[in-house]
């Protein structure tokens, strides 16, 4: 499935003010009366802004084009909490503009992000969480990190301007229950819907889609240092295509995974997971297939009181949405490093190597190799809190994608550098 950005707001100017704290009447789960508890209310108003330079707006090898991207917008957040429940909501409209947009795209764009989160303790051992994320945007670049690339990038469509205005809503309900000091379980269900206000002309993204995702996780503390877990998951993917000739790529996935966490003294944690998946397509030509997937090994270490390192290996299998491509396997090596230089200065660094292997279905071999893409990603940022009210941040990222010349995806190689600055001001 394609991967989209969660929000194009990458920087911030933020304003936060505690408005009031007061006594309120609250219903305490499990009791038969109203009790007076101290409720904490926090209302904040933020102004977000950023500017960055992108030296390859089109993400192509032969048609590079540099441009500045800037944005500004407010953010409103409200938080309320009691011993038995909590609620949080934030809304962030962002107005962005490109100094030199690509042909057929918008120079000025609006993005709206709305997030809600609520927690409720049903019993001392059981709690429920409800979360909703809504996103409305007209930015077509959200698709540039998708599973499949087109030669010369996705922004080179001829004809009418490519308006990719759409909204994306994701609602999740989770339940956590602790059976004993050593055994706990959590279950969650998510419903996601993506709708285009105007469907783009690009055939790979001219459909609405929806997903149902469910999972059950069982955890057991084997020893003081070791936790073991078992995960069951079921996902249903559906799409509504505007092209009558498109193949039905609706599918069901069933996954079973083993998980383990091992904690050592000195702030060192080892984590691992391995899963096996069965995929069933509605289209009889695709049929069903099964394979190992989702290997995740990581090491988290607090090196000093000022620094932390997370490194690991991931293997992930994602399903395609257009015949004849059926799956993509991504292998990733990554490292993330955080360091607090002073009370006011911190830095974050991330580097990752990714290899993606694509497979397609045909009459000879249903799992034949179709091609591969390799890439290196690096990002570094410095955050400096100049005063109690103002924080200034700078960041740089590099993405280098390369493909063998004989590979079907050879036209997708490119290098892109992004450098930017953002700030946060608190009133």
Foldseek 3Di string as FASTA:
>chain_A
DWFFDQDPQPFFAFAWDADDWAWDWDDAAPDDDIDIFTKGKTKTKTKWKKKKKKQAQQLFAPDRDIKMKIKIWMKIKMKMDTPFKIKIKMKIKMWMAIPDDFPLADRIKIKIKIKIKMKGANDPFKIKIKIKIKMWIFDPCRRQRTPDADFSHDCPDDDHRFGFTKMKMKIKMKMKGDPDPFKIKMKMKMKMWMDGPQAGPPQQGRKIKIKIKIKMKIWGAPDPFKIKMKMWMKMWIAIGHPDPPFDQFTKMKIKIKIKMWGDDPQAKIKIWMKMKMKMAGPGVLLGIDIDIAWTKIKMWHDPDPFKIKIWIKTWHKDAGRGPFWGIKIKIKTKMKMKGDPDPFKIKIKMKMKIKIWTAGQDPPDGGDTQFIKIKIKIKMKMWGDPDPFKIKMKMKMKMFMAGPPPHPCRSSTGIMIMIMMHMYGYD
